[in-house]
Amino acid sequence: MKHHPKISIRGLYKAFGPKVVLDGLDLDVGVAESMVVIGGSGTGKSVLLKCVLGLLEPESGSIKIDGVEVLGMPTSEREKINRKFGMLFQGAALFDSLAVWENVAFGLIRAQGVDRIAAKRIAIENLASVGLRPEVGELSPAELSGGMKKRVALARAVATKPEIIFFDEPTTGLDPIMSDVIDKLIVKCVHELGATALSITHDMGSARKIAHRVAMLHMGKIIWQGPVAGIDRSGNPYVDQFINGRAEGPIQMQVRA
């Protein structure tokens, strides 16, 4: 029996007017694999994530989850697929009007119909799993530091025990120590759930810590992919320039004089 990739993307094309962002992109993510897509700002990493999540509709191509085509799927069917997903947003995206525990329990209450008492207990357990004490659950997001907000957002992302977790620039805006904390928590949470992870980042330090495999997005296509251990000997000049942060190379940044 053939095992499907958890996520399989073929020929994905997305444009905004004349600007082509994804130009026939192909990518597979295996079951329980952590795939990190790297690339510079504006290369289409967030657009890729939004297409997989169903937030954007590509012009053409295929996205399969567990072997099932999701592009063009009716809304009710798509909602069932989306229940497999957890998401850590770049800016944490916590609801200011809700207490921390209610943020963590949001998907449990709204999508799964868990009663508030049980949902709060699960939320507190998930806060503990990211190193936050129960009393943090009673605070409002405005009372949290940037690192604490990321940890709350991670607790929310895993609270529903998703099969697939998406991480959008998980360490953006954090200092190096807190970035390392978040990276280690991501590895721990993904491993404990046995989840598949698809992350996008331009932080190579983070990519090296959380990835099994890395794929580089450039000019709308995946131009290299392979095990994270092989990235330093990719033999690809675009990858070499990017991971070493060199201004000189085939990737030309638009710099205004």
C-alpha atoms as a PDB file:
ATOM      1  CA  MET A   1       0.000   0.000   0.000  1.00  0.00           C
ATOM      2  CA  LYS A   2       1.421   3.360  -1.027  1.00  0.00           C
ATOM      3  CA  HIS A   3       1.673   6.019   1.654  1.00  0.00           C
ATOM      4  CA  HIS A   4       0.721   9.510   0.493  1.00  0.00           C
ATOM      5  CA  PRO A   5       2.724  12.532   1.614  1.00  0.00           C
ATOM      6  CA  LYS A   6       0.845  14.445   4.300  1.00  0.00           C
ATOM      7  CA  ILE A   7       0.956  17.522   2.048  1.00  0.00           C
ATOM      8  CA  SER A   8       1.542  17.287  -1.706  1.00  0.00           C
ATOM      9  CA  ILE A   9       1.722  20.431  -3.852  1.00  0.00           C
ATOM     10  CA  ARG A  10       2.055  20.357  -7.641  1.00  0.00           C
ATOM     11  CA  GLY A  11       2.243  23.135 -10.215  1.00  0.00           C
ATOM     12  CA  LEU A  12       0.998  25.805  -7.814  1.00  0.00           C
ATOM     13  CA  TYR A  13       0.510  29.131  -9.596  1.00  0.00           C
ATOM     14  CA  LYS A  14      -0.573  32.322  -7.867  1.00  0.00           C
ATOM     15  CA  ALA A  15      -0.403  35.866  -9.212  1.00  0.00           C
ATOM     16  CA  PHE A  16      -1.653  39.243  -8.063  1.00  0.00           C
ATOM     17  CA  GLY A  17      -2.372  41.129 -11.273  1.00  0.00           C
ATOM     18  CA  PRO A  18       0.806  41.067 -13.372  1.00  0.00           C
ATOM     19  CA  LYS A  19       2.968  40.011 -10.397  1.00  0.00           C
ATOM     20  CA  VAL A  20       3.564  36.245 -10.422  1.00  0.00           C
ATOM     21  CA  VAL A  21       4.330  35.058  -6.885  1.00  0.00           C
ATOM     22  CA  LEU A  22       4.168  31.262  -7.184  1.00  0.00           C
ATOM     23  CA  ASP A  23       5.139  29.928 -10.595  1.00  0.00           C
ATOM     24  CA  GLY A  24       4.515  26.181 -10.799  1.00  0.00           C
ATOM     25  CA  LEU A  25       5.695  25.295  -7.307  1.00  0.00           C
ATOM     26  CA  ASP A  26       6.108  21.607  -6.340  1.00  0.00           C
ATOM     27  CA  LEU A  27       6.622  20.408  -2.758  1.00  0.00           C
ATOM     28  CA  ASP A  28       5.933  17.297  -0.664  1.00  0.00           C
ATOM     29  CA  VAL A  29       5.889  17.115   3.130  1.00  0.00           C
ATOM     30  CA  GLY A  30       5.942  13.639   4.648  1.00  0.00           C
ATOM     31  CA  VAL A  31       3.975  12.300   7.593  1.00  0.00           C
ATOM     32  CA  ALA A  32       5.515  13.511  10.901  1.00  0.00           C
ATOM     33  CA  GLU A  33       8.140  15.469   8.956  1.00  0.00           C
ATOM     34  CA  SER A  34       9.212  19.006   9.789  1.00  0.00           C
ATOM     35  CA  MET A  35       9.710  20.911   6.534  1.00  0.00           C
ATOM     36  CA  VAL A  36      11.044  24.472   6.596  1.00  0.00           C
ATOM     37  CA  VAL A  37      10.705  26.694   3.524  1.00  0.00           C
ATOM     38  CA  ILE A  38      13.360  29.416   3.439  1.00  0.00           C
ATOM     39  CA  GLY A  39      13.695  32.420   1.169  1.00  0.00           C
ATOM     40  CA  GLY A  40      14.040  36.176   1.240  1.00  0.00           C
ATOM     41  CA  SER A  41      11.322  38.660   2.090  1.00  0.00           C
ATOM     42  CA  GLY A  42       8.729  38.938  -0.668  1.00  0.00           C
ATOM     43  CA  THR A  43       9.551  35.583  -2.275  1.00  0.00           C
ATOM     44  CA  GLY A  44       6.068  34.180  -1.668  1.00  0.00           C
ATOM     45  CA  LYS A  45       6.541  32.080   1.481  1.00  0.00           C
ATOM     46  CA  SER A  46       3.458  33.527   3.202  1.00  0.00           C
ATOM     47  CA  VAL A  47       1.414  33.206   0.004  1.00  0.00           C
ATOM     48  CA  LEU A  48       2.350  29.511  -0.157  1.00  0.00           C
ATOM     49  CA  LEU A  49       1.179  29.003   3.426  1.00  0.00           C
ATOM     50  CA  LYS A  50      -2.093  30.865   2.794  1.00  0.00           C
ATOM     51  CA  CYS A  51      -2.818  28.743  -0.280  1.00  0.00           C
ATOM     52  CA  VAL A  52      -2.354  25.520   1.719  1.00  0.00           C
ATOM     53  CA  LEU A  53      -4.526  26.896   4.521  1.00  0.00           C
ATOM     54  CA  GLY A  54      -7.255  27.850   2.067  1.00  0.00           C
ATOM     55  CA  LEU A  55      -6.981  31.573   2.785  1.00  0.00           C
ATOM     56  CA  LEU A  56      -5.947  32.274  -0.819  1.00  0.00           C
ATOM     57  CA  GLU A  57      -7.161  30.568  -3.996  1.00  0.00           C
ATOM     58  CA  PRO A  58      -4.383  29.874  -6.514  1.00  0.00           C
ATOM     59  CA  GLU A  59      -5.061  30.252 -10.232  1.00  0.00           C
ATOM     60  CA  SER A  60      -3.973  26.688 -10.935  1.00  0.00           C
ATOM     61  CA  GLY A  61      -2.208  23.680  -9.487  1.00  0.00           C
ATOM     62  CA  SER A  62      -2.925  20.969  -6.950  1.00  0.00           C
ATOM     63  CA  ILE A  63      -2.798  20.795  -3.152  1.00  0.00           C
ATOM     64  CA  LYS A  64      -3.500  17.408  -1.599  1.00  0.00           C
ATOM     65  CA  ILE A  65      -3.823  16.714   2.134  1.00  0.00           C
ATOM     66  CA  ASP A  66      -3.531  12.994   2.933  1.00  0.00           C
ATOM     67  CA  GLY A  67      -3.969  12.304  -0.788  1.00  0.00           C
ATOM     68  CA  VAL A  68      -7.214  14.311  -1.042  1.00  0.00           C
ATOM     69  CA  GLU A  69      -7.398  17.295  -3.423  1.00  0.00           C
ATOM     70  CA  VAL A  70      -8.493  20.385  -1.486  1.00  0.00           C
ATOM     71  CA  LEU A  71      -8.494  23.044  -4.215  1.00  0.00           C
ATOM     72  CA  GLY A  72     -12.067  23.633  -5.326  1.00  0.00           C
ATOM     73  CA  MET A  73     -13.418  21.590  -2.431  1.00  0.00           C
ATOM     74  CA  PRO A  74     -16.855  22.649  -1.078  1.00  0.00           C
ATOM     75  CA  THR A  75     -16.671  24.838   2.047  1.00  0.00           C
ATOM     76  CA  SER A  76     -18.157  22.212   4.375  1.00  0.00           C
ATOM     77  CA  GLU A  77     -15.608  19.608   3.248  1.00  0.00           C
ATOM     78  CA  ARG A  78     -12.795  22.134   3.445  1.00  0.00           C
ATOM     79  CA  GLU A  79     -13.718  22.916   7.051  1.00  0.00           C
ATOM     80  CA  LYS A  80     -13.267  19.234   7.937  1.00  0.00           C
ATOM     81  CA  ILE A  81      -9.769  19.295   6.422  1.00  0.00           C
ATOM     82  CA  ASN A  82      -8.944  22.509   8.292  1.00  0.00           C
ATOM     83  CA  ARG A  83      -9.687  20.766  11.596  1.00  0.00           C
ATOM     84  CA  LYS A  84      -6.459  18.847  11.034  1.00  0.00           C
ATOM     85  CA  PHE A  85      -4.528  22.136  11.142  1.00  0.00           C
ATOM     86  CA  GLY A  86      -2.875  24.167  13.874  1.00  0.00           C
ATOM     87  CA  MET A  87      -1.282  27.551  13.167  1.00  0.00           C
ATOM     88  CA  LEU A  88       1.301  29.759  14.838  1.00  0.00           C
ATOM     89  CA  PHE A  89       0.940  33.215  13.283  1.00  0.00           C
ATOM     90  CA  GLN A  90       3.891  35.559  12.817  1.00  0.00           C
ATOM     91  CA  GLY A  91       2.618  38.218  15.213  1.00  0.00           C
ATOM     92  CA  ALA A  92       1.045  35.658  17.598  1.00  0.00           C
ATOM     93  CA  ALA A  93      -2.398  37.087  16.594  1.00  0.00           C
ATOM     94  CA  LEU A  94      -3.948  36.728  20.038  1.00  0.00           C
ATOM     95  CA  PHE A  95      -7.430  38.109  20.667  1.00  0.00           C
ATOM     96  CA  ASP A  96      -7.019  41.166  22.923  1.00  0.00           C
ATOM     97  CA  SER A  97     -10.569  40.883  24.260  1.00  0.00           C
ATOM     98  CA  LEU A  98     -10.070  37.326  25.564  1.00  0.00           C
ATOM     99  CA  ALA A  99      -8.079  36.084  28.546  1.00  0.00           C
ATOM    100  CA  VAL A 100      -4.958  34.059  27.747  1.00  0.00           C
ATOM    101  CA  TRP A 101      -6.628  30.721  28.557  1.00  0.00           C
ATOM    102  CA  GLU A 102      -9.583  31.618  26.306  1.00  0.00           C
ATOM    103  CA  ASN A 103      -7.141  32.329  23.480  1.00  0.00           C
ATOM    104  CA  VAL A 104      -5.551  28.907  23.929  1.00  0.00           C
ATOM    105  CA  ALA A 105      -8.974  27.222  24.145  1.00  0.00           C
ATOM    106  CA  PHE A 106     -10.495  29.147  21.223  1.00  0.00           C
ATOM    107  CA  GLY A 107     -10.379  26.278  18.720  1.00  0.00           C
ATOM    108  CA  LEU A 108     -11.524  23.747  21.315  1.00  0.00           C
ATOM    109  CA  ILE A 109     -14.616  25.794  22.167  1.00  0.00           C
ATOM    110  CA  ARG A 110     -15.488  27.204  18.735  1.00  0.00           C
ATOM    111  CA  ALA A 111     -14.525  24.357  16.386  1.00  0.00           C
ATOM    112  CA  GLN A 112     -14.818  21.280  18.582  1.00  0.00           C
ATOM    113  CA  GLY A 113     -17.633  22.281  20.929  1.00  0.00           C
ATOM    114  CA  VAL A 114     -15.706  21.481  24.125  1.00  0.00           C
ATOM    115  CA  ASP A 115     -17.408  22.975  27.200  1.00  0.00           C
ATOM    116  CA  ARG A 116     -15.622  25.895  28.859  1.00  0.00           C
ATOM    117  CA  ILE A 117     -14.626  24.051  32.051  1.00  0.00           C
ATOM    118  CA  ALA A 118     -12.951  21.210  30.150  1.00  0.00           C
ATOM    119  CA  ALA A 119     -11.485  23.638  27.601  1.00  0.00           C
ATOM    120  CA  LYS A 120      -9.918  25.729  30.380  1.00  0.00           C
ATOM    121  CA  ARG A 121      -8.325  22.624  31.921  1.00  0.00           C
ATOM    122  CA  ILE A 122      -6.833  21.658  28.532  1.00  0.00           C
ATOM    123  CA  ALA A 123      -5.669  25.255  27.998  1.00  0.00           C
ATOM    124  CA  ILE A 124      -3.853  25.324  31.348  1.00  0.00           C
ATOM    125  CA  GLU A 125      -2.190  21.979  30.524  1.00  0.00           C
ATOM    126  CA  ASN A 126      -1.010  23.388  27.199  1.00  0.00           C
ATOM    127  CA  LEU A 127       0.279  26.564  28.830  1.00  0.00           C
ATOM    128  CA  ALA A 128       2.281  24.348  31.213  1.00  0.00           C
ATOM    129  CA  SER A 129       3.715  22.467  28.228  1.00  0.00           C
ATOM    130  CA  VAL A 130       5.255  25.736  26.983  1.00  0.00           C
ATOM    131  CA  GLY A 131       6.525  26.696  30.425  1.00  0.00           C
ATOM    132  CA  LEU A 132       3.784  29.100  31.560  1.00  0.00           C
ATOM    133  CA  ARG A 133       2.147  28.912  34.993  1.00  0.00           C
ATOM    134  CA  PRO A 134      -1.650  28.577  35.447  1.00  0.00           C
ATOM    135  CA  GLU A 135      -2.037  32.177  36.629  1.00  0.00           C
ATOM    136  CA  VAL A 136      -0.802  33.397  33.224  1.00  0.00           C
ATOM    137  CA  GLY A 137      -4.072  32.012  31.851  1.00  0.00           C
ATOM    138  CA  GLU A 138      -6.011  34.727  33.670  1.00  0.00           C
ATOM    139  CA  LEU A 139      -3.990  37.598  32.179  1.00  0.00           C
ATOM    140  CA  SER A 140      -4.904  39.546  29.069  1.00  0.00           C
ATOM    141  CA  PRO A 141      -2.564  39.431  26.035  1.00  0.00           C
ATOM    142  CA  ALA A 142      -1.687  43.100  26.647  1.00  0.00           C
ATOM    143  CA  GLU A 143       0.015  42.067  29.906  1.00  0.00           C
ATOM    144  CA  LEU A 144       2.403  39.652  28.171  1.00  0.00           C
ATOM    145  CA  SER A 145       5.916  40.143  26.800  1.00  0.00           C
ATOM    146  CA  GLY A 146       6.648  39.293  23.166  1.00  0.00           C
ATOM    147  CA  GLY A 147       8.171  35.940  24.110  1.00  0.00           C
ATOM    148  CA  MET A 148       5.213  35.042  26.327  1.00  0.00           C
ATOM    149  CA  LYS A 149       2.788  35.899  23.518  1.00  0.00           C
ATOM    150  CA  LYS A 150       4.648  33.514  21.194  1.00  0.00           C
ATOM    151  CA  ARG A 151       4.458  30.764  23.807  1.00  0.00           C
ATOM    152  CA  VAL A 152       0.723  31.337  24.278  1.00  0.00           C
ATOM    153  CA  ALA A 153       0.275  31.251  20.507  1.00  0.00           C
ATOM    154  CA  LEU A 154       2.191  27.951  20.373  1.00  0.00           C
ATOM    155  CA  ALA A 155       0.005  26.534  23.164  1.00  0.00           C
ATOM    156  CA  ARG A 156      -3.059  27.547  21.111  1.00  0.00           C
ATOM    157  CA  ALA A 157      -1.607  26.002  17.933  1.00  0.00           C
ATOM    158  CA  VAL A 158      -1.234  22.576  19.581  1.00  0.00           C
ATOM    159  CA  ALA A 159      -4.281  22.612  21.908  1.00  0.00           C
ATOM    160  CA  THR A 160      -6.561  20.800  19.436  1.00  0.00           C
ATOM    161  CA  LYS A 161      -3.890  18.113  18.851  1.00  0.00           C
ATOM    162  CA  PRO A 162      -3.587  18.937  15.140  1.00  0.00           C
ATOM    163  CA  GLU A 163      -2.123  16.552  12.581  1.00  0.00           C
ATOM    164  CA  ILE A 164      -0.425  19.416  10.714  1.00  0.00           C
ATOM    165  CA  ILE A 165       1.029  22.569  12.276  1.00  0.00           C
ATOM    166  CA  PHE A 166       2.004  25.665  10.296  1.00  0.00           C
ATOM    167  CA  PHE A 167       4.598  28.074  11.650  1.00  0.00           C
ATOM    168  CA  ASP A 168       4.807  31.549  10.078  1.00  0.00           C
ATOM    169  CA  GLU A 169       8.171  33.174  10.920  1.00  0.00           C
ATOM    170  CA  PRO A 170       8.018  31.764  14.483  1.00  0.00           C
ATOM    171  CA  THR A 171      11.033  33.694  15.834  1.00  0.00           C
ATOM    172  CA  THR A 172      10.480  37.099  14.201  1.00  0.00           C
ATOM    173  CA  GLY A 173      10.894  39.958  16.686  1.00  0.00           C
ATOM    174  CA  LEU A 174      12.427  37.815  19.430  1.00  0.00           C
ATOM    175  CA  ASP A 175      15.875  38.134  20.965  1.00  0.00           C
ATOM    176  CA  PRO A 176      18.333  35.253  20.337  1.00  0.00           C
ATOM    177  CA  ILE A 177      17.702  33.562  23.698  1.00  0.00           C
ATOM    178  CA  MET A 178      13.895  33.637  23.377  1.00  0.00           C
ATOM    179  CA  SER A 179      14.210  32.503  19.751  1.00  0.00           C
ATOM    180  CA  ASP A 180      16.100  29.431  20.989  1.00  0.00           C
ATOM    181  CA  VAL A 181      13.410  28.808  23.625  1.00  0.00           C
ATOM    182  CA  ILE A 182      10.655  28.942  20.981  1.00  0.00           C
ATOM    183  CA  ASP A 183      12.612  26.700  18.583  1.00  0.00           C
ATOM    184  CA  LYS A 184      13.080  24.057  21.302  1.00  0.00           C
ATOM    185  CA  LEU A 185       9.390  24.262  22.251  1.00  0.00           C
ATOM    186  CA  ILE A 186       8.387  23.813  18.603  1.00  0.00           C
ATOM    187  CA  VAL A 187      10.561  20.694  18.312  1.00  0.00           C
ATOM    188  CA  LYS A 188       9.141  19.343  21.588  1.00  0.00           C
ATOM    189  CA  CYS A 189       5.487  20.004  20.734  1.00  0.00           C
ATOM    190  CA  VAL A 190       5.716  18.638  17.185  1.00  0.00           C
ATOM    191  CA  HIS A 191       7.506  15.507  18.415  1.00  0.00           C
ATOM    192  CA  GLU A 192       5.036  14.849  21.237  1.00  0.00           C
ATOM    193  CA  LEU A 193       2.063  15.174  18.876  1.00  0.00           C
ATOM    194  CA  GLY A 194       3.676  13.196  16.067  1.00  0.00           C
ATOM    195  CA  ALA A 195       2.540  16.076  13.869  1.00  0.00           C
ATOM    196  CA  THR A 196       3.651  17.167  10.423  1.00  0.00           C
ATOM    197  CA  ALA A 197       5.092  20.692  10.437  1.00  0.00           C
ATOM    198  CA  LEU A 198       5.391  23.204   7.609  1.00  0.00           C
ATOM    199  CA  SER A 199       7.281  26.339   8.589  1.00  0.00           C
ATOM    200  CA  ILE A 200       8.381  29.432   6.704  1.00  0.00           C
ATOM    201  CA  THR A 201      11.266  31.571   7.861  1.00  0.00           C
ATOM    202  CA  HIS A 202      14.261  33.600   6.785  1.00  0.00           C
ATOM    203  CA  ASP A 203      15.974  32.867  10.137  1.00  0.00           C
ATOM    204  CA  MET A 204      18.576  30.212   9.306  1.00  0.00           C
ATOM    205  CA  GLY A 205      19.386  29.626  12.976  1.00  0.00           C
ATOM    206  CA  SER A 206      15.759  28.672  13.557  1.00  0.00           C
ATOM    207  CA  ALA A 207      15.546  26.587  10.370  1.00  0.00           C
ATOM    208  CA  ARG A 208      18.560  24.504  11.381  1.00  0.00           C
ATOM    209  CA  LYS A 209      17.002  23.696  14.761  1.00  0.00           C
ATOM    210  CA  ILE A 210      13.426  22.816  13.771  1.00  0.00           C
ATOM    211  CA  ALA A 211      13.768  21.253  10.294  1.00  0.00           C
ATOM    212  CA  HIS A 212      14.174  17.685   9.129  1.00  0.00           C
ATOM    213  CA  ARG A 213      14.258  18.983   5.567  1.00  0.00           C
ATOM    214  CA  VAL A 214      14.678  22.436   4.065  1.00  0.00           C
ATOM    215  CA  ALA A 215      13.365  23.803   0.757  1.00  0.00           C
ATOM    216  CA  MET A 216      14.374  27.143  -0.750  1.00  0.00           C
ATOM    217  CA  LEU A 217      11.788  29.265  -2.551  1.00  0.00           C
ATOM    218  CA  HIS A 218      13.066  31.674  -5.199  1.00  0.00           C
ATOM    219  CA  MET A 219      11.286  33.296  -8.147  1.00  0.00           C
ATOM    220  CA  GLY A 220       8.119  31.342  -7.435  1.00  0.00           C
ATOM    221  CA  LYS A 221       9.694  27.879  -7.464  1.00  0.00           C
ATOM    222  CA  ILE A 222      11.449  25.498  -5.088  1.00  0.00           C
ATOM    223  CA  ILE A 223      15.029  25.668  -6.372  1.00  0.00           C
ATOM    224  CA  TRP A 224      16.604  23.273  -3.851  1.00  0.00           C
ATOM    225  CA  GLN A 225      15.462  20.898  -1.157  1.00  0.00           C
ATOM    226  CA  GLY A 226      17.179  18.349   1.010  1.00  0.00           C
ATOM    227  CA  PRO A 227      17.985  17.268   4.571  1.00  0.00           C
ATOM    228  CA  VAL A 228      18.876  20.131   6.887  1.00  0.00           C
ATOM    229  CA  ALA A 229      22.286  18.516   7.486  1.00  0.00           C
ATOM    230  CA  GLY A 230      23.085  18.892   3.776  1.00  0.00           C
ATOM    231  CA  ILE A 231      22.301  22.564   3.392  1.00  0.00           C
ATOM    232  CA  ASP A 232      25.908  23.745   3.801  1.00  0.00           C
ATOM    233  CA  ARG A 233      26.990  21.577   0.869  1.00  0.00           C
ATOM    234  CA  SER A 234      23.963  22.123  -1.353  1.00  0.00           C
ATOM    235  CA  GLY A 235      26.125  23.150  -4.322  1.00  0.00           C
ATOM    236  CA  ASN A 236      23.405  25.689  -5.170  1.00  0.00           C
ATOM    237  CA  PRO A 237      24.733  29.264  -5.431  1.00  0.00           C
ATOM    238  CA  TYR A 238      21.357  30.773  -4.436  1.00  0.00           C
ATOM    239  CA  VAL A 239      21.194  28.641  -1.300  1.00  0.00           C
ATOM    240  CA  ASP A 240      24.838  29.357  -0.449  1.00  0.00           C
ATOM    241  CA  GLN A 241      24.305  33.100  -0.762  1.00  0.00           C
ATOM    242  CA  PHE A 242      21.134  33.035   1.327  1.00  0.00           C
ATOM    243  CA  ILE A 243      22.337  30.863   4.220  1.00  0.00           C
ATOM    244  CA  ASN A 244      25.583  32.811   4.491  1.00  0.00           C
ATOM    245  CA  GLY A 245      23.859  36.208   4.255  1.00  0.00           C
ATOM    246  CA  ARG A 246      26.052  37.566   1.465  1.00  0.00           C
ATOM    247  CA  ALA A 247      25.042  40.656  -0.499  1.00  0.00           C
ATOM    248  CA  GLU A 248      27.047  39.438  -3.518  1.00  0.00           C
ATOM    249  CA  GLY A 249      25.653  36.553  -5.506  1.00  0.00           C
ATOM    250  CA  PRO A 250      22.929  35.526  -7.917  1.00  0.00           C
ATOM    251  CA  ILE A 251      20.141  36.894  -5.678  1.00  0.00           C
ATOM    252  CA  GLN A 252      19.980  40.608  -6.421  1.00  0.00           C
ATOM    253  CA  MET A 253      18.174  42.693  -3.813  1.00  0.00           C
ATOM    254  CA  GLN A 254      16.379  45.820  -4.950  1.00  0.00           C
ATOM    255  CA  VAL A 255      18.127  48.667  -3.159  1.00  0.00           C
ATOM    256  CA  ARG A 256      16.869  52.203  -3.604  1.00  0.00           C
ATOM    257  CA  ALA A 257      19.669  54.725  -4.042  1.00  0.00           C
END
